[in-house]
Amino acid sequence: MADSQDPVFQIQRVYLKEASLEQPNSPAILLEQEQPNVDIQLGVEATQAAEGMFEVAVTATVTTKIKERTVFLVEVKQAGIFEIRNVGDQLNAIMGIACPQIVYPYLRGNVADIITRAGFPPVHLAEINFQAMYEQQQSQLQQQEQPSRIITTA
């Protein structure tokens, strides 16, 4: 029998939470021959859903433009519910690294699928090093928390 203090990390469910596609300048922009510029923004958020249960969501926003006109805008939020217990101070790291690594492949597939179904060549999101991303965020938070020092001389 497992000790009630043993660490627990289990995937309960992975699901598509939100998806939207906009083509505000169709059909005229579809006749353009110029290559669009593609901008991809990613985000990770985590919330507690219940005792020991957490929802971790990875969001991608893909915007393509020709000059200043939008060809398409896709926003997808892929989420997972994870049971995480008895992990001590590792909770934030698990939610910032391990959980997004599990959810992200589903997000990548959904983004490519939506864009393809809209009639465009797929946009394949690159692999992400969530550990490096998490460590960078933690470093930025630590720098913001440090009070600025004022040096005075008499």
N, C-alpha and C. Protein backbone atom coordinates (compact mmCIF):
# COMPACT_ATOMS: atom_id res chain seq x y z
N MET A 1 0.84 -1.17 0.00
CA MET A 1 0.00 0.00 0.00
C MET A 1 0.89 1.25 0.00
N ALA A 2 0.53 2.22 -0.83
CA ALA A 2 1.33 3.44 -0.95
C ALA A 2 1.14 4.32 0.27
N ASP A 3 2.22 4.91 0.70
CA ASP A 3 2.18 5.86 1.82
C ASP A 3 1.43 7.11 1.37
N SER A 4 0.60 7.66 2.23
CA SER A 4 -0.18 8.84 1.86
C SER A 4 0.70 10.06 1.64
N GLN A 5 1.98 9.98 2.00
CA GLN A 5 2.91 11.10 1.80
C GLN A 5 3.78 10.91 0.56
N ASP A 6 3.56 9.82 -0.18
CA ASP A 6 4.32 9.60 -1.41
C ASP A 6 3.97 10.68 -2.42
N PRO A 7 4.96 11.15 -3.20
CA PRO A 7 4.65 12.12 -4.25
C PRO A 7 3.71 11.52 -5.29
N VAL A 8 2.79 12.34 -5.78
CA VAL A 8 1.83 11.90 -6.79
C VAL A 8 1.89 12.90 -7.95
N PHE A 9 2.01 12.38 -9.17
CA PHE A 9 1.93 13.19 -10.38
C PHE A 9 1.22 12.34 -11.43
N GLN A 10 -0.03 12.68 -11.73
CA GLN A 10 -0.82 11.92 -12.69
C GLN A 10 -1.59 12.85 -13.61
N ILE A 11 -1.67 12.46 -14.87
CA ILE A 11 -2.49 13.19 -15.83
C ILE A 11 -3.91 12.70 -15.67
N GLN A 12 -4.84 13.61 -15.45
CA GLN A 12 -6.25 13.25 -15.36
C GLN A 12 -6.92 13.38 -16.73
N ARG A 13 -6.55 14.45 -17.45
CA ARG A 13 -7.19 14.70 -18.75
C ARG A 13 -6.41 15.78 -19.48
N VAL A 14 -6.33 15.64 -20.81
CA VAL A 14 -5.79 16.68 -21.67
C VAL A 14 -6.90 17.04 -22.64
N TYR A 15 -7.15 18.35 -22.81
CA TYR A 15 -8.29 18.75 -23.63
C TYR A 15 -8.05 20.11 -24.29
N LEU A 16 -8.78 20.32 -25.38
CA LEU A 16 -8.75 21.60 -26.08
C LEU A 16 -9.72 22.53 -25.37
N LYS A 17 -9.21 23.59 -24.75
CA LYS A 17 -10.05 24.47 -23.96
C LYS A 17 -10.66 25.58 -24.81
N GLU A 18 -9.87 26.16 -25.70
CA GLU A 18 -10.36 27.24 -26.56
C GLU A 18 -9.66 27.16 -27.90
N ALA A 19 -10.38 27.55 -28.96
CA ALA A 19 -9.77 27.65 -30.28
C ALA A 19 -10.56 28.68 -31.08
N SER A 20 -9.83 29.56 -31.76
CA SER A 20 -10.50 30.52 -32.62
C SER A 20 -9.65 30.79 -33.85
N LEU A 21 -10.34 31.10 -34.92
CA LEU A 21 -9.70 31.43 -36.20
C LEU A 21 -10.40 32.65 -36.76
N GLU A 22 -9.63 33.62 -37.16
CA GLU A 22 -10.18 34.81 -37.79
C GLU A 22 -9.45 35.04 -39.10
N GLN A 23 -10.23 35.38 -40.14
CA GLN A 23 -9.67 35.78 -41.43
C GLN A 23 -10.34 37.09 -41.82
N PRO A 24 -9.97 38.20 -41.16
CA PRO A 24 -10.71 39.45 -41.33
C PRO A 24 -10.65 40.06 -42.72
N ASN A 25 -9.65 39.74 -43.51
CA ASN A 25 -9.50 40.36 -44.83
C ASN A 25 -9.76 39.40 -45.99
N SER A 26 -10.42 38.29 -45.69
CA SER A 26 -10.77 37.33 -46.74
C SER A 26 -12.00 37.84 -47.48
N PRO A 27 -12.16 37.59 -48.73
CA PRO A 27 -11.32 36.77 -49.59
C PRO A 27 -10.21 37.55 -50.29
N ALA A 28 -10.23 38.89 -50.27
CA ALA A 28 -9.29 39.68 -51.07
C ALA A 28 -7.83 39.34 -50.75
N ILE A 29 -7.50 39.18 -49.47
CA ILE A 29 -6.10 38.95 -49.10
C ILE A 29 -5.61 37.58 -49.57
N LEU A 30 -6.54 36.66 -49.81
CA LEU A 30 -6.15 35.33 -50.28
C LEU A 30 -5.61 35.36 -51.71
N LEU A 31 -5.87 36.43 -52.41
CA LEU A 31 -5.38 36.58 -53.78
C LEU A 31 -3.99 37.20 -53.84
N GLU A 32 -3.49 37.68 -52.72
CA GLU A 32 -2.15 38.28 -52.66
C GLU A 32 -1.10 37.21 -52.95
N GLN A 33 -0.04 37.61 -53.61
CA GLN A 33 1.05 36.68 -53.94
C GLN A 33 2.23 36.80 -52.98
N GLU A 34 2.23 37.84 -52.19
CA GLU A 34 3.33 38.11 -51.28
C GLU A 34 3.33 37.11 -50.12
N GLN A 35 4.53 36.78 -49.63
CA GLN A 35 4.65 35.88 -48.48
C GLN A 35 4.28 36.64 -47.21
N PRO A 36 3.45 36.04 -46.37
CA PRO A 36 3.08 36.72 -45.12
C PRO A 36 4.17 36.60 -44.06
N ASN A 37 4.15 37.52 -43.13
CA ASN A 37 5.00 37.43 -41.94
C ASN A 37 4.22 36.67 -40.88
N VAL A 38 4.88 35.77 -40.18
CA VAL A 38 4.23 34.96 -39.16
C VAL A 38 4.80 35.32 -37.80
N ASP A 39 3.91 35.61 -36.84
CA ASP A 39 4.30 35.91 -35.47
C ASP A 39 3.63 34.89 -34.56
N ILE A 40 4.42 34.25 -33.70
CA ILE A 40 3.90 33.23 -32.79
C ILE A 40 4.20 33.63 -31.36
N GLN A 41 3.16 33.67 -30.54
CA GLN A 41 3.30 33.99 -29.12
C GLN A 41 2.81 32.78 -28.31
N LEU A 42 3.58 32.41 -27.29
CA LEU A 42 3.21 31.29 -26.43
C LEU A 42 3.11 31.75 -24.99
N GLY A 43 2.22 31.08 -24.24
CA GLY A 43 2.09 31.37 -22.82
C GLY A 43 1.70 30.13 -22.06
N VAL A 44 2.02 30.12 -20.77
CA VAL A 44 1.67 29.02 -19.88
C VAL A 44 1.00 29.61 -18.66
N GLU A 45 -0.10 29.01 -18.25
CA GLU A 45 -0.76 29.43 -17.02
C GLU A 45 -1.20 28.20 -16.24
N ALA A 46 -1.21 28.33 -14.93
CA ALA A 46 -1.61 27.22 -14.06
C ALA A 46 -2.53 27.75 -12.98
N THR A 47 -3.59 26.98 -12.71
CA THR A 47 -4.53 27.33 -11.65
C THR A 47 -4.90 26.06 -10.89
N GLN A 48 -5.22 26.25 -9.63
CA GLN A 48 -5.67 25.11 -8.83
C GLN A 48 -7.15 24.89 -9.10
N ALA A 49 -7.50 23.66 -9.47
CA ALA A 49 -8.89 23.32 -9.78
C ALA A 49 -9.61 22.74 -8.56
N ALA A 50 -8.88 22.03 -7.73
CA ALA A 50 -9.41 21.41 -6.51
C ALA A 50 -8.20 21.02 -5.67
N GLU A 51 -8.44 20.47 -4.51
CA GLU A 51 -7.34 20.05 -3.64
C GLU A 51 -6.46 19.02 -4.37
N GLY A 52 -5.20 19.39 -4.61
CA GLY A 52 -4.26 18.49 -5.27
C GLY A 52 -4.47 18.37 -6.78
N MET A 53 -5.40 19.11 -7.34
CA MET A 53 -5.70 19.05 -8.78
C MET A 53 -5.42 20.43 -9.39
N PHE A 54 -4.69 20.43 -10.50
CA PHE A 54 -4.29 21.68 -11.13
C PHE A 54 -4.56 21.63 -12.63
N GLU A 55 -5.03 22.77 -13.15
CA GLU A 55 -5.17 22.90 -14.59
C GLU A 55 -3.96 23.70 -15.08
N VAL A 56 -3.28 23.14 -16.07
CA VAL A 56 -2.16 23.82 -16.70
C VAL A 56 -2.53 23.99 -18.17
N ALA A 57 -2.49 25.25 -18.64
CA ALA A 57 -2.88 25.54 -20.02
C ALA A 57 -1.71 26.19 -20.75
N VAL A 58 -1.52 25.77 -22.00
CA VAL A 58 -0.53 26.37 -22.88
C VAL A 58 -1.31 27.05 -24.00
N THR A 59 -1.02 28.32 -24.24
CA THR A 59 -1.73 29.10 -25.23
C THR A 59 -0.79 29.49 -26.36
N ALA A 60 -1.27 29.39 -27.59
CA ALA A 60 -0.52 29.85 -28.76
C ALA A 60 -1.38 30.83 -29.53
N THR A 61 -0.77 31.93 -29.93
CA THR A 61 -1.42 32.89 -30.81
C THR A 61 -0.54 33.01 -32.05
N VAL A 62 -1.10 32.66 -33.20
CA VAL A 62 -0.37 32.71 -34.46
C VAL A 62 -1.04 33.79 -35.31
N THR A 63 -0.26 34.82 -35.64
CA THR A 63 -0.77 35.92 -36.45
C THR A 63 0.05 35.99 -37.74
N THR A 64 -0.61 35.98 -38.88
CA THR A 64 0.08 36.15 -40.15
C THR A 64 -0.44 37.41 -40.81
N LYS A 65 0.50 38.19 -41.33
CA LYS A 65 0.14 39.46 -41.96
C LYS A 65 0.90 39.63 -43.27
N ILE A 66 0.26 40.30 -44.19
CA ILE A 66 0.92 40.81 -45.38
C ILE A 66 0.88 42.32 -45.24
N LYS A 67 2.04 42.91 -45.10
CA LYS A 67 2.17 44.33 -44.75
C LYS A 67 1.44 44.53 -43.42
N GLU A 68 0.44 45.38 -43.36
CA GLU A 68 -0.28 45.62 -42.12
C GLU A 68 -1.62 44.89 -42.06
N ARG A 69 -1.93 44.13 -43.10
CA ARG A 69 -3.24 43.47 -43.17
C ARG A 69 -3.12 42.02 -42.68
N THR A 70 -4.02 41.63 -41.79
CA THR A 70 -4.01 40.29 -41.23
C THR A 70 -4.55 39.28 -42.24
N VAL A 71 -3.77 38.22 -42.46
CA VAL A 71 -4.23 37.11 -43.30
C VAL A 71 -5.09 36.21 -42.44
N PHE A 72 -4.52 35.74 -41.33
CA PHE A 72 -5.32 34.99 -40.36
C PHE A 72 -4.72 35.12 -38.97
N LEU A 73 -5.57 34.90 -37.99
CA LEU A 73 -5.19 34.91 -36.59
C LEU A 73 -5.79 33.67 -35.95
N VAL A 74 -4.93 32.84 -35.36
CA VAL A 74 -5.38 31.62 -34.69
C VAL A 74 -4.95 31.70 -33.23
N GLU A 75 -5.90 31.46 -32.33
CA GLU A 75 -5.61 31.39 -30.91
C GLU A 75 -6.10 30.04 -30.40
N VAL A 76 -5.20 29.31 -29.77
CA VAL A 76 -5.55 27.98 -29.25
C VAL A 76 -5.04 27.87 -27.83
N LYS A 77 -5.92 27.36 -26.96
CA LYS A 77 -5.53 27.08 -25.57
C LYS A 77 -5.78 25.60 -25.32
N GLN A 78 -4.68 24.89 -25.09
CA GLN A 78 -4.73 23.46 -24.80
C GLN A 78 -4.44 23.31 -23.32
N ALA A 79 -5.24 22.52 -22.63
CA ALA A 79 -5.08 22.41 -21.18
C ALA A 79 -5.02 20.95 -20.74
N GLY A 80 -4.56 20.78 -19.54
CA GLY A 80 -4.54 19.47 -18.92
C GLY A 80 -4.87 19.61 -17.45
N ILE A 81 -5.49 18.59 -16.90
CA ILE A 81 -5.74 18.53 -15.47
C ILE A 81 -4.78 17.48 -14.91
N PHE A 82 -4.05 17.90 -13.89
CA PHE A 82 -3.02 17.05 -13.30
C PHE A 82 -3.25 16.92 -11.80
N GLU A 83 -3.09 15.71 -11.32
CA GLU A 83 -3.10 15.50 -9.87
C GLU A 83 -1.65 15.57 -9.42
N ILE A 84 -1.38 16.53 -8.54
CA ILE A 84 -0.02 16.75 -8.05
C ILE A 84 -0.10 16.90 -6.53
N ARG A 85 0.51 15.97 -5.83
CA ARG A 85 0.46 15.99 -4.36
C ARG A 85 1.83 15.64 -3.78
N ASN A 86 2.10 16.20 -2.63
CA ASN A 86 3.28 15.83 -1.83
C ASN A 86 4.59 16.01 -2.58
N VAL A 87 4.70 17.11 -3.32
CA VAL A 87 5.94 17.36 -4.06
C VAL A 87 6.73 18.53 -3.46
N GLY A 88 6.23 19.06 -2.36
CA GLY A 88 6.95 20.12 -1.66
C GLY A 88 7.15 21.36 -2.51
N ASP A 89 8.37 21.88 -2.46
CA ASP A 89 8.65 23.12 -3.19
C ASP A 89 8.87 22.90 -4.68
N GLN A 90 8.67 21.70 -5.16
CA GLN A 90 8.81 21.41 -6.59
C GLN A 90 7.52 21.65 -7.37
N LEU A 91 6.44 22.03 -6.68
CA LEU A 91 5.14 22.20 -7.34
C LEU A 91 5.21 23.16 -8.52
N ASN A 92 5.77 24.36 -8.30
CA ASN A 92 5.82 25.34 -9.38
C ASN A 92 6.65 24.85 -10.57
N ALA A 93 7.75 24.19 -10.29
CA ALA A 93 8.58 23.66 -11.38
C ALA A 93 7.84 22.58 -12.16
N ILE A 94 7.11 21.73 -11.48
CA ILE A 94 6.34 20.68 -12.17
C ILE A 94 5.28 21.32 -13.06
N MET A 95 4.59 22.33 -12.52
CA MET A 95 3.54 22.98 -13.32
C MET A 95 4.12 23.85 -14.43
N GLY A 96 5.35 24.32 -14.27
CA GLY A 96 5.96 25.17 -15.28
C GLY A 96 6.79 24.44 -16.30
N ILE A 97 7.15 23.17 -16.01
CA ILE A 97 8.01 22.42 -16.93
C ILE A 97 7.34 21.12 -17.38
N ALA A 98 7.08 20.22 -16.44
CA ALA A 98 6.57 18.88 -16.80
C ALA A 98 5.18 18.94 -17.44
N CYS A 99 4.28 19.68 -16.83
CA CYS A 99 2.90 19.74 -17.36
C CYS A 99 2.84 20.36 -18.76
N PRO A 100 3.48 21.51 -18.99
CA PRO A 100 3.45 22.06 -20.35
C PRO A 100 4.08 21.13 -21.39
N GLN A 101 5.11 20.39 -21.00
CA GLN A 101 5.74 19.44 -21.93
C GLN A 101 4.76 18.35 -22.36
N ILE A 102 3.84 17.99 -21.49
CA ILE A 102 2.84 16.98 -21.81
C ILE A 102 1.75 17.57 -22.70
N VAL A 103 1.32 18.79 -22.40
CA VAL A 103 0.20 19.43 -23.11
C VAL A 103 0.62 19.95 -24.49
N TYR A 104 1.85 20.44 -24.62
CA TYR A 104 2.31 21.13 -25.82
C TYR A 104 2.17 20.34 -27.13
N PRO A 105 2.49 19.06 -27.18
CA PRO A 105 2.31 18.34 -28.45
C PRO A 105 0.86 18.36 -28.96
N TYR A 106 -0.09 18.32 -28.07
CA TYR A 106 -1.51 18.41 -28.46
C TYR A 106 -1.80 19.79 -29.05
N LEU A 107 -1.25 20.82 -28.41
CA LEU A 107 -1.41 22.19 -28.90
C LEU A 107 -0.83 22.33 -30.30
N ARG A 108 0.37 21.82 -30.50
CA ARG A 108 1.03 21.90 -31.82
C ARG A 108 0.16 21.26 -32.89
N GLY A 109 -0.38 20.08 -32.60
CA GLY A 109 -1.23 19.39 -33.57
C GLY A 109 -2.50 20.15 -33.88
N ASN A 110 -3.13 20.71 -32.86
CA ASN A 110 -4.37 21.45 -33.07
C ASN A 110 -4.14 22.73 -33.86
N VAL A 111 -3.05 23.44 -33.58
CA VAL A 111 -2.74 24.66 -34.33
C VAL A 111 -2.53 24.33 -35.80
N ALA A 112 -1.71 23.33 -36.09
CA ALA A 112 -1.46 22.96 -37.49
C ALA A 112 -2.75 22.51 -38.17
N ASP A 113 -3.59 21.77 -37.47
CA ASP A 113 -4.84 21.27 -38.04
C ASP A 113 -5.80 22.41 -38.36
N ILE A 114 -5.97 23.34 -37.45
CA ILE A 114 -6.88 24.47 -37.68
C ILE A 114 -6.43 25.29 -38.87
N ILE A 115 -5.14 25.57 -38.94
CA ILE A 115 -4.62 26.39 -40.04
C ILE A 115 -4.78 25.66 -41.37
N THR A 116 -4.52 24.37 -41.40
CA THR A 116 -4.69 23.58 -42.62
C THR A 116 -6.16 23.53 -43.04
N ARG A 117 -7.05 23.31 -42.08
CA ARG A 117 -8.48 23.27 -42.40
C ARG A 117 -9.01 24.62 -42.88
N ALA A 118 -8.30 25.69 -42.53
CA ALA A 118 -8.69 27.03 -43.00
C ALA A 118 -8.22 27.28 -44.43
N GLY A 119 -7.45 26.33 -44.98
CA GLY A 119 -7.01 26.46 -46.36
C GLY A 119 -5.61 27.01 -46.54
N PHE A 120 -4.84 27.05 -45.47
CA PHE A 120 -3.48 27.58 -45.53
C PHE A 120 -2.48 26.46 -45.32
N PRO A 121 -1.23 26.68 -45.75
CA PRO A 121 -0.19 25.70 -45.41
C PRO A 121 -0.04 25.66 -43.89
N PRO A 122 0.20 24.51 -43.31
CA PRO A 122 0.28 24.43 -41.85
C PRO A 122 1.45 25.23 -41.29
N VAL A 123 1.24 25.76 -40.13
CA VAL A 123 2.31 26.40 -39.37
C VAL A 123 2.68 25.41 -38.28
N HIS A 124 3.92 24.96 -38.31
CA HIS A 124 4.37 23.99 -37.31
C HIS A 124 5.12 24.72 -36.21
N LEU A 125 4.59 24.67 -35.01
CA LEU A 125 5.25 25.29 -33.88
C LEU A 125 6.52 24.53 -33.55
N ALA A 126 7.57 25.26 -33.26
CA ALA A 126 8.86 24.64 -32.92
C ALA A 126 8.78 23.95 -31.56
N GLU A 127 9.70 23.04 -31.33
CA GLU A 127 9.81 22.43 -30.01
C GLU A 127 10.22 23.51 -29.01
N ILE A 128 9.74 23.39 -27.80
CA ILE A 128 10.02 24.39 -26.77
C ILE A 128 10.75 23.71 -25.61
N ASN A 129 11.77 24.38 -25.10
CA ASN A 129 12.46 23.92 -23.91
C ASN A 129 11.79 24.61 -22.72
N PHE A 130 10.80 23.95 -22.14
CA PHE A 130 10.03 24.56 -21.05
C PHE A 130 10.88 24.75 -19.80
N GLN A 131 11.92 23.94 -19.63
CA GLN A 131 12.79 24.14 -18.47
C GLN A 131 13.53 25.46 -18.60
N ALA A 132 14.09 25.73 -19.77
CA ALA A 132 14.79 27.00 -19.97
C ALA A 132 13.83 28.18 -19.85
N MET A 133 12.63 28.04 -20.37
CA MET A 133 11.63 29.09 -20.29
C MET A 133 11.26 29.36 -18.83
N TYR A 134 11.06 28.30 -18.05
CA TYR A 134 10.72 28.42 -16.64
C TYR A 134 11.86 29.09 -15.86
N GLU A 135 13.08 28.64 -16.11
CA GLU A 135 14.23 29.21 -15.40
C GLU A 135 14.40 30.69 -15.73
N GLN A 136 14.14 31.08 -16.98
CA GLN A 136 14.23 32.48 -17.37
C GLN A 136 13.17 33.30 -16.63
N GLN A 137 11.94 32.78 -16.55
CA GLN A 137 10.87 33.47 -15.83
C GLN A 137 11.22 33.63 -14.35
N GLN A 138 11.76 32.58 -13.75
CA GLN A 138 12.13 32.64 -12.33
C GLN A 138 13.23 33.67 -12.11
N SER A 139 14.18 33.74 -13.01
CA SER A 139 15.27 34.71 -12.90
C SER A 139 14.73 36.13 -13.00
N GLN A 140 13.78 36.36 -13.92
CA GLN A 140 13.18 37.68 -14.06
C GLN A 140 12.40 38.05 -12.80
N LEU A 141 11.68 37.09 -12.23
CA LEU A 141 10.93 37.37 -11.00
C LEU A 141 11.86 37.74 -9.85
N GLN A 142 12.99 37.04 -9.74
CA GLN A 142 13.94 37.33 -8.67
C GLN A 142 14.53 38.72 -8.83
N GLN A 143 14.80 39.12 -10.06
CA GLN A 143 15.36 40.46 -10.30
C GLN A 143 14.34 41.54 -9.95
N GLN A 144 13.06 41.28 -10.22
CA GLN A 144 12.02 42.26 -9.91
C GLN A 144 11.81 42.39 -8.41
N GLU A 145 12.01 41.29 -7.66
CA GLU A 145 11.78 41.30 -6.23
C GLU A 145 12.89 41.98 -5.45
N GLN A 146 14.09 42.04 -6.03
CA GLN A 146 15.21 42.65 -5.31
C GLN A 146 15.02 44.16 -5.27
N PRO A 147 15.08 44.73 -4.07
CA PRO A 147 14.94 46.19 -3.99
C PRO A 147 16.15 46.88 -4.61
N SER A 148 15.90 47.97 -5.27
CA SER A 148 17.02 48.70 -5.85
C SER A 148 17.78 49.38 -4.71
N ARG A 149 19.08 49.38 -4.83
CA ARG A 149 19.92 49.95 -3.78
C ARG A 149 20.27 51.39 -4.13
N ILE A 150 20.13 52.23 -3.14
CA ILE A 150 20.51 53.62 -3.32
C ILE A 150 21.78 53.83 -2.52
N ILE A 151 22.82 54.22 -3.19
CA ILE A 151 24.10 54.44 -2.52
C ILE A 151 24.25 55.93 -2.30
N THR A 152 24.47 56.28 -1.07
CA THR A 152 24.67 57.70 -0.76
C THR A 152 26.08 57.88 -0.20
N THR A 153 26.63 58.99 -0.49
CA THR A 153 27.93 59.31 0.05
C THR A 153 27.81 60.64 0.80
N ALA A 154 28.55 60.73 1.87
CA ALA A 154 28.49 61.95 2.67
C ALA A 154 29.64 62.86 2.36
